Amino acid sequence: MTCSGDRENALLRYRQKGTFFGGAGYLDMPKSLPNDPQERRIALAKRREEQAADAPKAMAEYLAAQRAALARMHELRAMRLAREAAAAASKEPARH
């Protein structure tokens, strides 16, 4: 086996394990821009349009996740306060 064959096998093993190896593991990496200035402007404009179209959806998802986290935090706080109140009530001596 040649040295380049060993390197290719090593690369395949790294990719199969799902580890990072020089950017090979990223599937959604941004594509490089073309060198031609006109094509570059077109690609940048298209990318900006896609980002502008995705922005409202992304913001809605972000706010929904934030609201869900806040609701869960309130729920957990209420559960903790109830648990602490029950523990305090069980420790109080009975008054006669």
N, C-alpha and C. Protein backbone atom coordinates (compact mmCIF):
# COMPACT_ATOMS: atom_id res chain seq x y z
N MET A 1 0.84 -1.19 0.00
CA MET A 1 0.00 0.00 0.00
C MET A 1 0.88 1.23 0.00
N THR A 2 0.47 2.24 -0.72
CA THR A 2 1.26 3.46 -0.78
C THR A 2 0.93 4.36 0.40
N CYS A 3 1.76 5.37 0.55
CA CYS A 3 1.56 6.31 1.65
C CYS A 3 0.25 7.07 1.49
N SER A 4 -0.09 7.46 0.26
CA SER A 4 -1.34 8.17 0.05
C SER A 4 -2.54 7.27 0.34
N GLY A 5 -2.41 5.97 0.06
CA GLY A 5 -3.48 5.03 0.38
C GLY A 5 -3.70 4.91 1.88
N ASP A 6 -2.59 4.93 2.64
CA ASP A 6 -2.70 4.89 4.09
C ASP A 6 -3.41 6.14 4.60
N ARG A 7 -3.07 7.27 4.01
CA ARG A 7 -3.70 8.53 4.43
C ARG A 7 -5.19 8.51 4.11
N GLU A 8 -5.55 8.00 2.94
CA GLU A 8 -6.97 7.92 2.57
C GLU A 8 -7.73 7.01 3.54
N ASN A 9 -7.13 5.89 3.90
CA ASN A 9 -7.78 4.99 4.86
C ASN A 9 -7.94 5.66 6.21
N ALA A 10 -6.92 6.41 6.62
CA ALA A 10 -7.01 7.12 7.90
C ALA A 10 -8.13 8.16 7.84
N LEU A 11 -8.23 8.86 6.72
CA LEU A 11 -9.30 9.86 6.57
C LEU A 11 -10.67 9.19 6.65
N LEU A 12 -10.81 8.05 6.01
CA LEU A 12 -12.09 7.34 6.04
C LEU A 12 -12.44 6.90 7.45
N ARG A 13 -11.45 6.42 8.20
CA ARG A 13 -11.70 6.01 9.58
C ARG A 13 -12.14 7.21 10.43
N TYR A 14 -11.50 8.35 10.26
CA TYR A 14 -11.88 9.53 11.02
C TYR A 14 -13.30 9.96 10.67
N ARG A 15 -13.64 9.94 9.40
CA ARG A 15 -14.97 10.35 8.98
C ARG A 15 -16.04 9.39 9.50
N GLN A 16 -15.73 8.10 9.50
CA GLN A 16 -16.70 7.12 9.98
C GLN A 16 -16.95 7.29 11.47
N LYS A 17 -15.94 7.66 12.22
CA LYS A 17 -16.10 7.84 13.65
C LYS A 17 -16.84 9.13 13.98
N GLY A 18 -16.92 10.04 13.02
CA GLY A 18 -17.63 11.29 13.24
C GLY A 18 -16.78 12.34 13.91
N THR A 19 -15.47 12.18 13.88
CA THR A 19 -14.61 13.17 14.49
C THR A 19 -14.26 14.26 13.49
N PHE A 20 -13.78 15.35 14.01
CA PHE A 20 -13.40 16.47 13.15
C PHE A 20 -12.03 16.19 12.56
N PHE A 21 -11.91 16.35 11.28
CA PHE A 21 -10.62 16.20 10.63
C PHE A 21 -10.52 17.21 9.51
N GLY A 22 -10.02 18.36 9.79
CA GLY A 22 -9.76 19.36 8.77
C GLY A 22 -10.99 19.86 8.05
N GLY A 23 -12.13 19.89 8.69
CA GLY A 23 -13.33 20.41 8.05
C GLY A 23 -14.08 19.39 7.23
N ALA A 24 -13.55 18.18 7.13
CA ALA A 24 -14.20 17.16 6.32
C ALA A 24 -15.52 16.70 6.93
N GLY A 25 -15.68 16.88 8.23
CA GLY A 25 -16.88 16.41 8.90
C GLY A 25 -18.07 17.34 8.78
N TYR A 26 -17.83 18.59 8.40
CA TYR A 26 -18.91 19.55 8.30
C TYR A 26 -19.63 19.42 6.97
N LEU A 27 -20.92 19.16 7.02
CA LEU A 27 -21.68 19.03 5.79
C LEU A 27 -22.28 20.36 5.37
N ASP A 28 -22.59 21.20 6.35
CA ASP A 28 -23.27 22.46 6.05
C ASP A 28 -22.32 23.65 6.06
N MET A 29 -21.08 23.41 5.74
CA MET A 29 -20.13 24.53 5.69
C MET A 29 -20.50 25.44 4.52
N PRO A 30 -20.32 26.74 4.70
CA PRO A 30 -20.64 27.65 3.61
C PRO A 30 -19.77 27.37 2.39
N LYS A 31 -20.37 27.49 1.26
CA LYS A 31 -19.64 27.27 0.02
C LYS A 31 -18.75 28.49 -0.24
N SER A 32 -17.60 28.25 -0.85
CA SER A 32 -16.73 29.37 -1.15
C SER A 32 -17.32 30.17 -2.31
N LEU A 33 -16.99 31.44 -2.31
CA LEU A 33 -17.52 32.33 -3.33
C LEU A 33 -16.70 32.22 -4.60
N PRO A 34 -17.33 32.45 -5.74
CA PRO A 34 -16.59 32.41 -7.01
C PRO A 34 -15.55 33.54 -7.09
N ASN A 35 -14.56 33.36 -7.93
CA ASN A 35 -13.52 34.37 -8.09
C ASN A 35 -13.94 35.50 -9.01
N ASP A 36 -14.82 35.24 -9.95
CA ASP A 36 -15.28 36.26 -10.88
C ASP A 36 -16.10 37.30 -10.12
N PRO A 37 -15.76 38.59 -10.25
CA PRO A 37 -16.46 39.63 -9.48
C PRO A 37 -17.97 39.66 -9.71
N GLN A 38 -18.41 39.47 -10.94
CA GLN A 38 -19.84 39.49 -11.23
C GLN A 38 -20.55 38.31 -10.57
N GLU A 39 -19.98 37.13 -10.71
CA GLU A 39 -20.56 35.94 -10.09
C GLU A 39 -20.54 36.05 -8.57
N ARG A 40 -19.48 36.67 -8.07
CA ARG A 40 -19.36 36.86 -6.62
C ARG A 40 -20.48 37.77 -6.10
N ARG A 41 -20.75 38.86 -6.81
CA ARG A 41 -21.84 39.77 -6.41
C ARG A 41 -23.18 39.07 -6.45
N ILE A 42 -23.39 38.27 -7.48
CA ILE A 42 -24.66 37.54 -7.60
C ILE A 42 -24.80 36.54 -6.46
N ALA A 43 -23.72 35.82 -6.17
CA ALA A 43 -23.76 34.82 -5.10
C ALA A 43 -24.00 35.49 -3.75
N LEU A 44 -23.35 36.63 -3.50
CA LEU A 44 -23.55 37.35 -2.25
C LEU A 44 -24.98 37.86 -2.12
N ALA A 45 -25.52 38.38 -3.23
CA ALA A 45 -26.89 38.88 -3.21
C ALA A 45 -27.88 37.75 -2.94
N LYS A 46 -27.64 36.60 -3.56
CA LYS A 46 -28.51 35.45 -3.35
C LYS A 46 -28.43 34.98 -1.90
N ARG A 47 -27.22 34.95 -1.35
CA ARG A 47 -27.04 34.53 0.03
C ARG A 47 -27.75 35.49 0.99
N ARG A 48 -27.66 36.79 0.72
CA ARG A 48 -28.33 37.78 1.57
C ARG A 48 -29.85 37.65 1.49
N GLU A 49 -30.37 37.38 0.29
CA GLU A 49 -31.81 37.19 0.13
C GLU A 49 -32.29 35.97 0.92
N GLU A 50 -31.52 34.89 0.87
CA GLU A 50 -31.88 33.68 1.63
C GLU A 50 -31.86 33.95 3.13
N GLN A 51 -30.85 34.69 3.58
CA GLN A 51 -30.76 35.02 5.00
C GLN A 51 -31.93 35.91 5.42
N ALA A 52 -32.29 36.87 4.57
CA ALA A 52 -33.41 37.76 4.88
C ALA A 52 -34.73 36.99 4.92
N ALA A 53 -34.87 36.00 4.06
CA ALA A 53 -36.09 35.20 4.04
C ALA A 53 -36.16 34.28 5.26
N ASP A 54 -35.00 33.79 5.73
CA ASP A 54 -34.97 32.88 6.88
C ASP A 54 -35.03 33.61 8.21
N ALA A 55 -34.74 34.89 8.23
CA ALA A 55 -34.64 35.63 9.49
C ALA A 55 -35.92 35.59 10.32
N PRO A 56 -37.11 35.85 9.76
CA PRO A 56 -38.32 35.81 10.60
C PRO A 56 -38.58 34.43 11.21
N LYS A 57 -38.35 33.40 10.43
CA LYS A 57 -38.55 32.04 10.93
C LYS A 57 -37.55 31.73 12.05
N ALA A 58 -36.30 32.12 11.85
CA ALA A 58 -35.28 31.87 12.85
C ALA A 58 -35.59 32.63 14.14
N MET A 59 -36.05 33.86 14.01
CA MET A 59 -36.38 34.65 15.20
C MET A 59 -37.58 34.05 15.92
N ALA A 60 -38.57 33.59 15.18
CA ALA A 60 -39.74 32.96 15.79
C ALA A 60 -39.33 31.70 16.55
N GLU A 61 -38.45 30.89 15.96
CA GLU A 61 -37.97 29.68 16.63
C GLU A 61 -37.19 30.04 17.89
N TYR A 62 -36.36 31.06 17.81
CA TYR A 62 -35.58 31.50 18.95
C TYR A 62 -36.48 31.97 20.09
N LEU A 63 -37.48 32.79 19.76
CA LEU A 63 -38.39 33.30 20.79
C LEU A 63 -39.24 32.17 21.38
N ALA A 64 -39.65 31.21 20.55
CA ALA A 64 -40.43 30.08 21.06
C ALA A 64 -39.59 29.25 22.04
N ALA A 65 -38.34 29.02 21.70
CA ALA A 65 -37.46 28.27 22.60
C ALA A 65 -37.23 29.03 23.89
N GLN A 66 -37.12 30.35 23.79
CA GLN A 66 -36.93 31.18 24.98
C GLN A 66 -38.17 31.12 25.87
N ARG A 67 -39.35 31.21 25.27
CA ARG A 67 -40.60 31.13 26.05
C ARG A 67 -40.74 29.76 26.71
N ALA A 68 -40.40 28.70 25.98
CA ALA A 68 -40.49 27.35 26.54
C ALA A 68 -39.53 27.18 27.72
N ALA A 69 -38.33 27.71 27.59
CA ALA A 69 -37.37 27.61 28.68
C ALA A 69 -37.84 28.39 29.90
N LEU A 70 -38.42 29.56 29.68
CA LEU A 70 -38.93 30.37 30.78
C LEU A 70 -40.11 29.68 31.47
N ALA A 71 -41.01 29.10 30.69
CA ALA A 71 -42.14 28.37 31.25
C ALA A 71 -41.66 27.18 32.08
N ARG A 72 -40.67 26.46 31.56
CA ARG A 72 -40.13 25.32 32.29
C ARG A 72 -39.46 25.78 33.59
N MET A 73 -38.78 26.92 33.54
CA MET A 73 -38.13 27.44 34.72
C MET A 73 -39.16 27.80 35.80
N HIS A 74 -40.27 28.40 35.39
CA HIS A 74 -41.34 28.73 36.34
C HIS A 74 -41.96 27.46 36.92
N GLU A 75 -42.14 26.48 36.08
CA GLU A 75 -42.71 25.20 36.52
C GLU A 75 -41.79 24.53 37.55
N LEU A 76 -40.50 24.51 37.27
CA LEU A 76 -39.55 23.90 38.20
C LEU A 76 -39.48 24.69 39.51
N ARG A 77 -39.57 26.00 39.43
CA ARG A 77 -39.55 26.82 40.64
C ARG A 77 -40.77 26.53 41.51
N ALA A 78 -41.92 26.42 40.88
CA ALA A 78 -43.15 26.13 41.63
C ALA A 78 -43.04 24.75 42.30
N MET A 79 -42.48 23.79 41.58
CA MET A 79 -42.31 22.45 42.15
C MET A 79 -41.34 22.49 43.34
N ARG A 80 -40.25 23.26 43.20
CA ARG A 80 -39.28 23.36 44.28
C ARG A 80 -39.90 24.02 45.51
N LEU A 81 -40.64 25.10 45.30
CA LEU A 81 -41.27 25.80 46.43
C LEU A 81 -42.29 24.89 47.13
N ALA A 82 -43.05 24.11 46.36
CA ALA A 82 -44.01 23.19 46.96
C ALA A 82 -43.29 22.11 47.76
N ARG A 83 -42.20 21.61 47.22
CA ARG A 83 -41.43 20.57 47.91
C ARG A 83 -40.82 21.13 49.20
N GLU A 84 -40.30 22.35 49.14
CA GLU A 84 -39.73 22.98 50.35
C GLU A 84 -40.80 23.26 51.39
N ALA A 85 -41.98 23.67 50.95
CA ALA A 85 -43.07 23.94 51.89
C ALA A 85 -43.52 22.64 52.57
N ALA A 86 -43.60 21.56 51.79
CA ALA A 86 -43.99 20.27 52.36
C ALA A 86 -42.93 19.78 53.35
N ALA A 87 -41.68 19.99 53.05
CA ALA A 87 -40.62 19.57 53.94
C ALA A 87 -40.64 20.40 55.23
N ALA A 88 -40.88 21.70 55.07
CA ALA A 88 -40.96 22.56 56.27
C ALA A 88 -42.16 22.21 57.12
N ALA A 89 -43.28 21.88 56.50
CA ALA A 89 -44.49 21.53 57.24
C ALA A 89 -44.32 20.23 58.01
N SER A 90 -43.58 19.30 57.44
CA SER A 90 -43.40 18.01 58.12
C SER A 90 -42.41 18.13 59.29
N LYS A 91 -41.56 19.13 59.27
CA LYS A 91 -40.57 19.30 60.33
C LYS A 91 -41.09 20.12 61.49
N GLU A 92 -42.20 20.85 61.31
CA GLU A 92 -42.74 21.68 62.38
C GLU A 92 -43.30 20.79 63.48
N PRO A 93 -43.03 21.13 64.73
CA PRO A 93 -43.60 20.34 65.82
C PRO A 93 -45.11 20.58 65.93
N ALA A 94 -45.84 19.58 66.33
CA ALA A 94 -47.30 19.71 66.47
C ALA A 94 -47.60 20.58 67.69
N ARG A 95 -48.51 21.53 67.50
CA ARG A 95 -48.88 22.43 68.60
C ARG A 95 -50.15 21.91 69.27
N HIS A 96 -50.12 21.90 70.57
CA HIS A 96 -51.29 21.43 71.33
C HIS A 96 -51.94 22.54 72.06
